C-alpha atoms as a PDB file:
ATOM      1  CA  MET A   1      87.837  91.319  44.470  1.00  0.00           C
ATOM      2  CA  SER A   2      85.707  94.511  44.659  1.00  0.00           C
ATOM      3  CA  ALA A   3      83.110  92.686  46.792  1.00  0.00           C
ATOM      4  CA  ILE A   4      85.769  91.541  49.223  1.00  0.00           C
ATOM      5  CA  MET A   5      87.140  95.065  49.536  1.00  0.00           C
ATOM      6  CA  ASP A   6      83.596  96.403  50.163  1.00  0.00           C
ATOM      7  CA  ASP A   7      83.026  93.809  52.876  1.00  0.00           C
ATOM      8  CA  LEU A   8      86.347  94.624  54.451  1.00  0.00           C
ATOM      9  CA  ARG A   9      85.612  98.370  54.410  1.00  0.00           C
ATOM     10  CA  ASN A  10      82.170  97.832  55.901  1.00  0.00           C
ATOM     11  CA  THR A  11      83.572  95.568  58.627  1.00  0.00           C
ATOM     12  CA  LEU A  12      86.380  97.997  59.387  1.00  0.00           C
ATOM     13  CA  PHE A  13      84.010 100.940  59.672  1.00  0.00           C
ATOM     14  CA  ALA A  14      81.582  98.969  61.867  1.00  0.00           C
ATOM     15  CA  GLU A  15      84.362  97.827  64.190  1.00  0.00           C
ATOM     16  CA  ALA A  16      85.944 101.291  64.404  1.00  0.00           C
ATOM     17  CA  GLN A  17      82.696 103.096  65.131  1.00  0.00           C
ATOM     18  CA  GLY A  18      82.751 104.612  68.593  1.00  0.00           C
ATOM     19  CA  ASN A  19      86.531 104.254  68.922  1.00  0.00           C
ATOM     20  CA  VAL A  20      88.544 107.464  69.209  1.00  0.00           C
ATOM     21  CA  ALA A  21      92.248 107.811  68.583  1.00  0.00           C
ATOM     22  CA  PHE A  22      94.487 110.706  69.629  1.00  0.00           C
ATOM     23  CA  ILE A  23      97.608 111.692  67.951  1.00  0.00           C
ATOM     24  CA  LEU A  24      99.934 113.578  70.277  1.00  0.00           C
ATOM     25  CA  THR A  25     102.134 116.280  68.765  1.00  0.00           C
ATOM     26  CA  ASP A  26     105.631 116.983  69.931  1.00  0.00           C
ATOM     27  CA  LYS A  27     106.010 119.533  72.690  1.00  0.00           C
ATOM     28  CA  ARG A  28     109.081 121.271  74.114  1.00  0.00           C
ATOM     29  CA  ILE A  29     108.735 118.843  77.027  1.00  0.00           C
ATOM     30  CA  ASP A  30     109.085 115.169  76.050  1.00  0.00           C
ATOM     31  CA  VAL A  31     105.583 113.739  75.560  1.00  0.00           C
ATOM     32  CA  ASN A  32     106.535 110.308  76.869  1.00  0.00           C
ATOM     33  CA  LYS A  33     107.746 111.833  80.077  1.00  0.00           C
ATOM     34  CA  LEU A  34     104.656 113.977  80.415  1.00  0.00           C
ATOM     35  CA  LEU A  35     102.485 110.846  80.106  1.00  0.00           C
ATOM     36  CA  SER A  36     104.352 108.384  82.201  1.00  0.00           C
ATOM     37  CA  ALA A  37     107.612 109.717  83.685  1.00  0.00           C
ATOM     38  CA  VAL A  38     106.899 113.091  85.245  1.00  0.00           C
ATOM     39  CA  PRO A  39     109.427 112.307  88.064  1.00  0.00           C
ATOM     40  CA  ALA A  40     112.172 112.378  85.419  1.00  0.00           C
ATOM     41  CA  LEU A  41     111.273 116.053  84.674  1.00  0.00           C
ATOM     42  CA  MET A  42     112.242 117.004  88.225  1.00  0.00           C
ATOM     43  CA  ALA A  43     115.525 116.830  90.127  1.00  0.00           C
ATOM     44  CA  PRO A  44     116.404 113.301  91.288  1.00  0.00           C
ATOM     45  CA  GLY A  45     114.349 112.211  94.296  1.00  0.00           C
ATOM     46  CA  VAL A  46     112.145 115.279  94.278  1.00  0.00           C
ATOM     47  CA  PHE A  47     108.935 113.642  93.038  1.00  0.00           C
ATOM     48  CA  ASP A  48     109.075 110.970  95.750  1.00  0.00           C
ATOM     49  CA  SER A  49     109.352 113.699  98.381  1.00  0.00           C
ATOM     50  CA  LEU A  50     106.144 115.455  97.336  1.00  0.00           C
ATOM     51  CA  PRO A  51     102.893 115.025  99.269  1.00  0.00           C
ATOM     52  CA  ASP A  52     100.554 112.541  97.663  1.00  0.00           C
ATOM     53  CA  VAL A  53      98.166 115.152  96.294  1.00  0.00           C
ATOM     54  CA  ALA A  54     101.009 117.179  94.743  1.00  0.00           C
ATOM     55  CA  ARG A  55     102.322 114.011  93.037  1.00  0.00           C
ATOM     56  CA  TYR A  56      98.846 113.396  91.683  1.00  0.00           C
ATOM     57  CA  ASP A  57      98.556 117.005  90.421  1.00  0.00           C
ATOM     58  CA  PHE A  58     101.926 116.954  88.658  1.00  0.00           C
ATOM     59  CA  MET A  59     101.086 113.630  86.990  1.00  0.00           C
ATOM     60  CA  GLU A  60      97.764 115.089  85.830  1.00  0.00           C
ATOM     61  CA  ALA A  61      99.403 118.273  84.621  1.00  0.00           C
ATOM     62  CA  GLY A  62     101.729 116.168  82.488  1.00  0.00           C
ATOM     63  CA  LYS A  63      98.824 114.377  80.832  1.00  0.00           C
ATOM     64  CA  CYS A  64      96.969 117.655  80.303  1.00  0.00           C
ATOM     65  CA  ILE A  65     100.015 119.162  78.532  1.00  0.00           C
ATOM     66  CA  ALA A  66     100.480 116.023  76.424  1.00  0.00           C
ATOM     67  CA  PHE A  67      96.783 116.150  75.338  1.00  0.00           C
ATOM     68  CA  GLU A  68      96.944 119.989  74.810  1.00  0.00           C
ATOM     69  CA  LEU A  69      94.644 120.925  77.642  1.00  0.00           C
ATOM     70  CA  PRO A  70      96.718 123.833  78.809  1.00  0.00           C
ATOM     71  CA  THR A  71      94.321 125.598  81.202  1.00  0.00           C
ATOM     72  CA  ALA A  72      93.600 122.329  82.956  1.00  0.00           C
ATOM     73  CA  ALA A  73      97.383 121.722  83.148  1.00  0.00           C
ATOM     74  CA  ALA A  74      97.847 125.099  84.800  1.00  0.00           C
ATOM     75  CA  PHE A  75      95.258 124.306  87.461  1.00  0.00           C
ATOM     76  CA  HIS A  76      97.075 121.026  88.299  1.00  0.00           C
ATOM     77  CA  LEU A  77     100.498 122.701  88.251  1.00  0.00           C
ATOM     78  CA  LEU A  78      99.452 125.460  90.624  1.00  0.00           C
ATOM     79  CA  ARG A  79      97.540 123.064  92.909  1.00  0.00           C
ATOM     80  CA  GLY A  80     100.675 120.812  93.074  1.00  0.00           C
ATOM     81  CA  THR A  81     102.988 123.712  93.751  1.00  0.00           C
ATOM     82  CA  GLU A  82     100.657 125.102  96.445  1.00  0.00           C
ATOM     83  CA  GLY A  83     100.440 121.696  98.039  1.00  0.00           C
ATOM     84  CA  MET A  84     104.217 121.435  98.185  1.00  0.00           C
ATOM     85  CA  LEU A  85     104.412 125.001  99.560  1.00  0.00           C
ATOM     86  CA  ARG A  86     102.067 124.039 102.449  1.00  0.00           C
ATOM     87  CA  HIS A  87     104.169 120.955 103.185  1.00  0.00           C
ATOM     88  CA  PHE A  88     107.376 123.016 103.028  1.00  0.00           C
ATOM     89  CA  TYR A  89     105.930 125.779 105.197  1.00  0.00           C
ATOM     90  CA  CYS A  90     104.588 123.411 107.859  1.00  0.00           C
ATOM     91  CA  SER A  91     107.926 121.509 107.886  1.00  0.00           C
ATOM     92  CA  LEU A  92     109.839 124.708 108.621  1.00  0.00           C
ATOM     93  CA  VAL A  93     107.357 126.490 110.868  1.00  0.00           C
ATOM     94  CA  ARG A  94     106.272 123.254 112.671  1.00  0.00           C
ATOM     95  CA  ARG A  95     102.755 124.462 113.231  1.00  0.00           C
ATOM     96  CA  GLY A  96      99.652 122.632 112.251  1.00  0.00           C
ATOM     97  CA  ARG A  97      97.850 125.630 110.703  1.00  0.00           C
ATOM     98  CA  VAL A  98      94.660 124.969 108.958  1.00  0.00           C
ATOM     99  CA  GLU A  99      94.768 125.866 105.248  1.00  0.00           C
ATOM    100  CA  PRO A 100      97.444 128.532 105.265  1.00  0.00           C
ATOM    101  CA  LEU A 101      97.317 130.841 102.279  1.00  0.00           C
ATOM    102  CA  TRP A 102     100.012 131.198  99.654  1.00  0.00           C
ATOM    103  CA  GLY A 103     100.902 134.859 100.157  1.00  0.00           C
ATOM    104  CA  PRO A 104     100.969 134.807 103.974  1.00  0.00           C
ATOM    105  CA  MET A 105     103.091 131.595 103.906  1.00  0.00           C
ATOM    106  CA  VAL A 106     105.712 133.225 101.711  1.00  0.00           C
ATOM    107  CA  GLU A 107     105.735 136.435 103.830  1.00  0.00           C
ATOM    108  CA  SER A 108     106.108 134.411 106.985  1.00  0.00           C
ATOM    109  CA  LEU A 109     109.037 132.453 105.472  1.00  0.00           C
ATOM    110  CA  ARG A 110     110.683 135.749 104.440  1.00  0.00           C
ATOM    111  CA  ARG A 111     110.520 136.975 108.087  1.00  0.00           C
ATOM    112  CA  ARG A 112     112.238 133.969 109.538  1.00  0.00           C
ATOM    113  CA  ARG A 113     115.579 134.404 111.216  1.00  0.00           C
ATOM    114  CA  THR A 114     117.013 132.155 108.550  1.00  0.00           C
ATOM    115  CA  PRO A 115     114.721 132.440 105.581  1.00  0.00           C
ATOM    116  CA  PRO A 116     114.785 130.055 102.629  1.00  0.00           C
ATOM    117  CA  PRO A 117     116.841 131.309  99.652  1.00  0.00           C
ATOM    118  CA  ALA A 118     115.519 134.585  98.106  1.00  0.00           C
ATOM    119  CA  PRO A 119     115.323 133.089  94.537  1.00  0.00           C
ATOM    120  CA  LEU A 120     112.854 130.482  95.817  1.00  0.00           C
ATOM    121  CA  LEU A 121     110.703 132.994  97.684  1.00  0.00           C
ATOM    122  CA  ASP A 122     110.794 135.399  94.721  1.00  0.00           C
ATOM    123  CA  ASN A 123     109.792 132.659  92.337  1.00  0.00           C
ATOM    124  CA  LEU A 124     106.845 131.605  94.623  1.00  0.00           C
ATOM    125  CA  ASP A 125     105.689 135.208  94.794  1.00  0.00           C
ATOM    126  CA  ASN A 126     105.895 135.523  91.021  1.00  0.00           C
ATOM    127  CA  ILE A 127     103.981 132.297  90.459  1.00  0.00           C
ATOM    128  CA  ARG A 128     101.262 133.464  92.941  1.00  0.00           C
ATOM    129  CA  ARG A 129     100.878 136.971  91.486  1.00  0.00           C
ATOM    130  CA  SER A 130     101.304 136.219  87.803  1.00  0.00           C
ATOM    131  CA  PHE A 131      99.666 132.812  87.476  1.00  0.00           C
ATOM    132  CA  ARG A 132      97.929 131.374  90.520  1.00  0.00           C
ATOM    133  CA  ASN A 133      95.685 134.389  91.293  1.00  0.00           C
ATOM    134  CA  PRO A 134      94.595 135.034  87.712  1.00  0.00           C
ATOM    135  CA  THR A 135      94.007 131.263  87.161  1.00  0.00           C
ATOM    136  CA  GLN A 136      91.867 130.875  90.306  1.00  0.00           C
ATOM    137  CA  HIS A 137      89.530 133.433  88.927  1.00  0.00           C
ATOM    138  CA  PRO A 138      88.131 133.155  85.430  1.00  0.00           C
ATOM    139  CA  ASP A 139      90.625 135.737  84.133  1.00  0.00           C
ATOM    140  CA  LYS A 140      93.193 133.449  82.512  1.00  0.00           C
ATOM    141  CA  ILE A 141      93.173 131.010  79.575  1.00  0.00           C
ATOM    142  CA  TYR A 142      96.468 129.336  78.796  1.00  0.00           C
ATOM    143  CA  ASP A 143      97.997 128.272  75.528  1.00  0.00           C
ATOM    144  CA  ILE A 144     100.284 125.255  75.208  1.00  0.00           C
ATOM    145  CA  GLN A 145     103.511 127.295  75.052  1.00  0.00           C
ATOM    146  CA  GLU A 146     102.661 129.344  78.157  1.00  0.00           C
ATOM    147  CA  VAL A 147     101.729 126.282  80.262  1.00  0.00           C
ATOM    148  CA  GLN A 148     105.046 124.635  79.338  1.00  0.00           C
ATOM    149  CA  ASP A 149     106.822 127.707  80.666  1.00  0.00           C
ATOM    150  CA  LEU A 150     104.675 127.556  83.793  1.00  0.00           C
ATOM    151  CA  PHE A 151     105.607 123.897  84.163  1.00  0.00           C
ATOM    152  CA  GLY A 152     109.304 124.956  84.271  1.00  0.00           C
ATOM    153  CA  LEU A 153     108.583 127.676  86.875  1.00  0.00           C
ATOM    154  CA  CYS A 154     106.648 125.299  89.093  1.00  0.00           C
ATOM    155  CA  VAL A 155     109.185 122.528  88.874  1.00  0.00           C
ATOM    156  CA  ASP A 156     111.947 124.935  89.700  1.00  0.00           C
ATOM    157  CA  ALA A 157     110.135 126.109  92.813  1.00  0.00           C
ATOM    158  CA  VAL A 158     109.270 122.508  93.879  1.00  0.00           C
ATOM    159  CA  ASN A 159     112.820 121.378  93.303  1.00  0.00           C
ATOM    160  CA  ARG A 160     114.127 124.236  95.415  1.00  0.00           C
ATOM    161  CA  MET A 161     111.633 123.569  98.230  1.00  0.00           C
ATOM    162  CA  VAL A 162     112.458 119.915  98.461  1.00  0.00           C
ATOM    163  CA  LEU A 163     116.171 120.535  98.294  1.00  0.00           C
ATOM    164  CA  SER A 164     115.897 123.162 101.048  1.00  0.00           C
ATOM    165  CA  LEU A 165     114.222 120.841 103.525  1.00  0.00           C
END
Protein backbone atom coordinates (compact mmCIF):
# COMPACT_ATOMS: atom_id res chain seq x y z
CA MET A 1 0.00 0.00 0.00
CA SER A 2 2.88 2.37 0.78
CA ALA A 3 4.31 1.93 -2.71
CA ILE A 4 0.94 2.81 -4.26
CA MET A 5 0.70 5.96 -2.15
CA ASP A 6 4.27 6.94 -3.13
CA ASP A 7 3.43 6.46 -6.81
CA LEU A 8 0.22 8.45 -6.40
CA ARG A 9 2.05 11.30 -4.61
CA ASN A 10 4.79 11.39 -7.27
CA THR A 11 2.21 11.40 -10.07
CA LEU A 12 0.15 14.11 -8.38
CA PHE A 13 3.18 16.34 -7.83
CA ALA A 14 4.39 15.80 -11.39
CA GLU A 15 0.97 16.66 -12.85
CA ALA A 16 0.50 19.68 -10.60
CA GLN A 17 3.91 21.15 -11.32
CA GLY A 18 3.57 24.47 -13.13
CA ASN A 19 -0.11 24.86 -12.26
CA VAL A 20 -1.07 27.77 -10.08
CA ALA A 21 -4.27 28.11 -8.09
CA PHE A 22 -5.66 31.26 -6.56
CA ILE A 23 -7.95 31.41 -3.60
CA LEU A 24 -10.04 34.55 -3.55
CA THR A 25 -10.92 36.02 -0.20
CA ASP A 26 -14.22 37.72 0.53
CA LYS A 27 -14.38 41.44 -0.11
CA ARG A 28 -17.00 44.02 0.81
CA ILE A 29 -18.05 43.83 -2.84
CA ASP A 30 -19.29 40.40 -3.95
CA VAL A 31 -16.34 38.57 -5.56
CA ASN A 32 -18.54 36.74 -8.07
CA LYS A 33 -19.94 40.05 -9.30
CA LEU A 34 -16.44 41.55 -9.47
CA LEU A 35 -15.31 38.68 -11.69
CA SER A 36 -18.26 38.20 -13.98
CA ALA A 37 -21.17 40.54 -13.25
CA VAL A 38 -19.86 44.09 -12.85
CA PRO A 39 -23.02 45.45 -14.55
CA ALA A 40 -24.98 44.22 -11.52
CA LEU A 41 -22.91 46.56 -9.33
CA MET A 42 -24.25 49.60 -11.21
CA ALA A 43 -27.75 50.98 -11.56
CA PRO A 44 -29.88 49.00 -14.03
CA GLY A 45 -28.95 49.73 -17.65
CA VAL A 46 -25.96 51.91 -16.78
CA PHE A 47 -23.22 49.48 -17.81
CA ASP A 48 -24.73 49.01 -21.28
CA SER A 49 -24.77 52.81 -21.74
CA LEU A 50 -21.03 53.16 -21.15
CA PRO A 51 -18.55 53.63 -23.99
CA ASP A 52 -16.77 50.39 -24.90
CA VAL A 53 -13.47 51.37 -23.29
CA ALA A 54 -15.19 52.35 -20.04
CA ARG A 55 -16.98 48.98 -19.97
CA TYR A 56 -13.65 47.26 -20.46
CA ASP A 57 -12.02 49.29 -17.67
CA PHE A 58 -14.78 48.60 -15.15
CA MET A 59 -14.64 44.87 -15.94
CA GLU A 60 -10.87 44.89 -15.49
CA ALA A 61 -11.19 46.87 -12.25
CA GLY A 62 -13.54 44.20 -10.93
CA LYS A 63 -11.00 41.47 -11.65
CA CYS A 64 -8.19 43.51 -10.11
CA ILE A 65 -10.17 44.00 -6.90
CA ALA A 66 -11.10 40.31 -6.77
CA PHE A 67 -7.43 39.29 -7.16
CA GLU A 68 -6.27 42.01 -4.73
CA LEU A 69 -4.41 44.23 -7.18
CA PRO A 70 -5.76 47.48 -5.73
CA THR A 71 -3.51 50.01 -7.46
CA ALA A 72 -4.19 48.40 -10.84
CA ALA A 73 -7.91 48.46 -10.01
CA ALA A 74 -7.68 52.18 -9.24
CA PHE A 75 -6.11 52.88 -12.65
CA HIS A 76 -8.95 51.05 -14.40
CA LEU A 77 -11.65 52.69 -12.27
CA LEU A 78 -10.30 56.15 -12.97
CA ARG A 79 -9.83 55.47 -16.69
CA GLY A 80 -13.39 54.14 -16.93
CA THR A 81 -14.79 57.12 -15.06
CA GLU A 82 -12.85 59.59 -17.19
CA GLY A 83 -13.96 57.83 -20.36
CA MET A 84 -17.58 58.14 -19.27
CA LEU A 85 -17.01 61.79 -18.33
CA ARG A 86 -15.72 62.52 -21.86
CA HIS A 87 -18.75 60.81 -23.35
CA PHE A 88 -21.07 62.72 -20.98
CA TYR A 89 -19.37 66.03 -21.71
CA CYS A 90 -19.42 65.60 -25.48
CA SER A 91 -23.09 64.53 -25.33
CA LEU A 92 -24.05 67.74 -23.51
CA VAL A 93 -21.68 70.19 -25.18
CA ARG A 94 -22.03 68.61 -28.63
CA ARG A 95 -18.52 69.48 -29.65
CA GLY A 96 -15.99 67.06 -31.01
CA ARG A 97 -13.14 68.28 -28.85
CA VAL A 98 -9.93 66.34 -28.96
CA GLU A 99 -8.99 64.81 -25.60
CA PRO A 100 -10.71 67.23 -23.23
CA LEU A 101 -9.16 67.24 -19.76
CA TRP A 102 -11.08 66.24 -16.62
CA GLY A 103 -10.83 69.54 -14.73
CA PRO A 104 -11.76 71.80 -17.66
CA MET A 105 -14.68 69.52 -18.59
CA VAL A 106 -16.17 69.75 -15.09
CA GLU A 107 -15.66 73.53 -14.98
CA SER A 108 -17.29 73.91 -18.38
CA LEU A 109 -20.25 71.82 -17.21
CA ARG A 110 -20.60 74.00 -14.09
CA ARG A 111 -20.83 77.14 -16.28
CA ARG A 112 -23.66 75.81 -18.43
CA ARG A 113 -27.00 77.60 -18.29
CA THR A 114 -28.48 74.37 -16.95
CA PRO A 115 -25.59 72.52 -15.33
CA PRO A 116 -25.73 68.87 -14.31
CA PRO A 117 -26.60 68.31 -10.64
CA ALA A 118 -24.08 69.75 -8.17
CA PRO A 119 -23.58 66.43 -6.30
CA LEU A 120 -22.36 64.86 -9.55
CA LEU A 121 -19.97 67.70 -10.38
CA ASP A 122 -18.71 67.85 -6.78
CA ASN A 123 -18.10 64.10 -6.80
CA LEU A 124 -16.23 64.31 -10.12
CA ASP A 125 -14.04 67.12 -8.75
CA ASN A 126 -13.35 65.12 -5.60
CA ILE A 127 -12.40 62.02 -7.59
CA ARG A 128 -10.09 64.09 -9.81
CA ARG A 129 -8.33 65.93 -6.98
CA SER A 130 -8.19 63.17 -4.38
CA PHE A 131 -7.64 60.08 -6.52
CA ARG A 132 -7.07 60.61 -10.24
CA ASN A 133 -4.30 63.20 -10.02
CA PRO A 134 -2.26 61.37 -7.32
CA THR A 135 -2.78 58.05 -9.14
CA GLN A 136 -1.60 59.38 -12.51
CA HIS A 137 1.69 60.29 -10.88
CA PRO A 138 3.68 57.78 -8.83
CA ASP A 139 2.38 59.31 -5.60
CA LYS A 140 -0.33 56.82 -4.65
CA ILE A 141 -0.45 53.14 -3.73
CA TYR A 142 -3.87 51.74 -2.86
CA ASP A 143 -4.90 49.09 -0.37
CA ILE A 144 -7.85 46.78 -0.95
CA GLN A 145 -10.18 48.69 1.38
CA GLU A 146 -9.45 52.07 -0.20
CA VAL A 147 -9.97 50.83 -3.75
CA GLN A 148 -13.35 49.35 -2.81
CA ASP A 149 -14.33 52.80 -1.53
CA LEU A 150 -13.07 54.32 -4.78
CA PHE A 151 -15.16 51.76 -6.69
CA GLY A 152 -18.24 53.10 -4.90
CA LEU A 153 -17.35 56.73 -5.66
CA CYS A 154 -16.73 56.01 -9.34
CA VAL A 155 -19.87 53.92 -9.76
CA ASP A 156 -21.90 56.70 -8.12
CA ALA A 157 -20.49 59.27 -10.55
CA VAL A 158 -21.01 57.01 -13.57
CA ASN A 159 -24.58 56.17 -12.50
CA ARG A 160 -25.36 59.88 -12.14
CA MET A 161 -23.84 60.76 -15.53
CA VAL A 162 -25.77 58.07 -17.38
CA LEU A 163 -29.01 58.94 -15.62
CA SER A 164 -28.50 62.65 -16.42
CA LEU A 165 -28.22 62.08 -20.17
